[in-house]
Amino acid sequence: MKSPMEAFLDTLKWKTLPPSNADDGSGLPHATHEGMIEIGSIRLRVYQLSTGERVIHEDDLAKFFGA
């Protein structure tokens, strides 16, 4: 069963990112898709990694929390 956050993130419009230098065969996670969460006037960039994990861009999260 998915968590409420996972279910919410599934509803985003995900854009496939072009292959990048991050996918260099090192096995390190890299962003494969990009999405956007809008909360009021704040926009949070969300990335899906090659591992399936989803992360929020650090700068956007800092703005959201007023840092």
C-alpha atoms as a PDB file:
ATOM      1  CA  MET A   1       0.000   0.000   0.000  1.00  0.00           C
ATOM      2  CA  LYS A   2       1.333   3.427  -0.959  1.00  0.00           C
ATOM      3  CA  SER A   3       1.710   6.244   1.528  1.00  0.00           C
ATOM      4  CA  PRO A   4      -0.427   9.364   0.949  1.00  0.00           C
ATOM      5  CA  MET A   5       2.696  11.230  -0.228  1.00  0.00           C
ATOM      6  CA  GLU A   6       3.590   8.507  -2.737  1.00  0.00           C
ATOM      7  CA  ALA A   7       0.024   8.528  -4.050  1.00  0.00           C
ATOM      8  CA  PHE A   8       0.132  12.330  -4.381  1.00  0.00           C
ATOM      9  CA  LEU A   9       3.475  12.253  -6.205  1.00  0.00           C
ATOM     10  CA  ASP A  10       2.052   9.670  -8.614  1.00  0.00           C
ATOM     11  CA  THR A  11      -0.475  12.313  -9.754  1.00  0.00           C
ATOM     12  CA  LEU A  12       2.205  14.806 -10.863  1.00  0.00           C
ATOM     13  CA  LYS A  13       2.960  15.348 -14.520  1.00  0.00           C
ATOM     14  CA  TRP A  14       6.438  13.873 -14.796  1.00  0.00           C
ATOM     15  CA  LYS A  15       8.752  15.053 -17.593  1.00  0.00           C
ATOM     16  CA  THR A  16      11.448  12.643 -18.733  1.00  0.00           C
ATOM     17  CA  LEU A  17      14.869  14.270 -18.507  1.00  0.00           C
ATOM     18  CA  PRO A  18      17.427  13.773 -21.248  1.00  0.00           C
ATOM     19  CA  PRO A  19      20.334  11.466 -20.465  1.00  0.00           C
ATOM     20  CA  SER A  20      23.046  13.359 -18.633  1.00  0.00           C
ATOM     21  CA  ASN A  21      26.652  12.953 -17.649  1.00  0.00           C
ATOM     22  CA  ALA A  22      25.389  11.812 -14.231  1.00  0.00           C
ATOM     23  CA  ASP A  23      24.468   8.495 -15.875  1.00  0.00           C
ATOM     24  CA  ASP A  24      28.125   7.580 -16.306  1.00  0.00           C
ATOM     25  CA  GLY A  25      27.951   3.947 -15.263  1.00  0.00           C
ATOM     26  CA  SER A  26      29.185   4.710 -11.742  1.00  0.00           C
ATOM     27  CA  GLY A  27      25.996   3.349 -10.221  1.00  0.00           C
ATOM     28  CA  LEU A  28      25.266   6.631  -8.426  1.00  0.00           C
ATOM     29  CA  PRO A  29      21.618   7.766  -8.478  1.00  0.00           C
ATOM     30  CA  HIS A  30      20.730  10.419 -11.032  1.00  0.00           C
ATOM     31  CA  ALA A  31      17.549  12.276 -11.938  1.00  0.00           C
ATOM     32  CA  THR A  32      15.497  10.647 -14.680  1.00  0.00           C
ATOM     33  CA  HIS A  33      12.252  12.647 -14.363  1.00  0.00           C
ATOM     34  CA  GLU A  34      11.211  16.096 -13.160  1.00  0.00           C
ATOM     35  CA  GLY A  35       7.884  17.236 -11.720  1.00  0.00           C
ATOM     36  CA  MET A  36       6.457  20.301  -9.989  1.00  0.00           C
ATOM     37  CA  ILE A  37       4.424  20.722  -6.811  1.00  0.00           C
ATOM     38  CA  GLU A  38       2.606  24.035  -6.432  1.00  0.00           C
ATOM     39  CA  ILE A  39       1.511  25.123  -2.956  1.00  0.00           C
ATOM     40  CA  GLY A  40      -0.034  28.566  -3.123  1.00  0.00           C
ATOM     41  CA  SER A  41       2.569  30.753  -4.821  1.00  0.00           C
ATOM     42  CA  ILE A  42       5.445  28.395  -4.029  1.00  0.00           C
ATOM     43  CA  ARG A  43       6.738  25.940  -6.607  1.00  0.00           C
ATOM     44  CA  LEU A  44       8.772  22.915  -5.561  1.00  0.00           C
ATOM     45  CA  ARG A  45      10.807  21.054  -8.168  1.00  0.00           C
ATOM     46  CA  VAL A  46      10.655  17.308  -7.566  1.00  0.00           C
ATOM     47  CA  TYR A  47      12.953  14.774  -9.171  1.00  0.00           C
ATOM     48  CA  GLN A  48      12.617  11.035  -9.580  1.00  0.00           C
ATOM     49  CA  LEU A  49      15.963   9.297  -9.321  1.00  0.00           C
ATOM     50  CA  SER A  50      17.192   6.250 -11.172  1.00  0.00           C
ATOM     51  CA  THR A  51      16.599   4.332  -7.920  1.00  0.00           C
ATOM     52  CA  GLY A  52      12.890   5.230  -7.939  1.00  0.00           C
ATOM     53  CA  GLU A  53      13.294   7.616  -4.995  1.00  0.00           C
ATOM     54  CA  ARG A  54      11.759  11.068  -5.266  1.00  0.00           C
ATOM     55  CA  VAL A  55      13.443  14.157  -3.864  1.00  0.00           C
ATOM     56  CA  ILE A  56      12.632  17.873  -3.607  1.00  0.00           C
ATOM     57  CA  HIS A  57      15.181  20.404  -4.844  1.00  0.00           C
ATOM     58  CA  GLU A  58      17.109  21.741  -1.823  1.00  0.00           C
ATOM     59  CA  ASP A  59      16.795  25.440  -2.778  1.00  0.00           C
ATOM     60  CA  ASP A  60      13.027  25.158  -3.200  1.00  0.00           C
ATOM     61  CA  LEU A  61      12.649  23.401   0.147  1.00  0.00           C
ATOM     62  CA  ALA A  62      14.686  26.144   1.872  1.00  0.00           C
ATOM     63  CA  LYS A  63      12.417  28.824   0.326  1.00  0.00           C
ATOM     64  CA  PHE A  64       9.347  26.877   1.427  1.00  0.00           C
ATOM     65  CA  PHE A  65      10.540  26.852   5.044  1.00  0.00           C
ATOM     66  CA  GLY A  66      11.661  30.482   4.882  1.00  0.00           C
ATOM     67  CA  ALA A  67      15.408  29.920   5.039  1.00  0.00           C
END
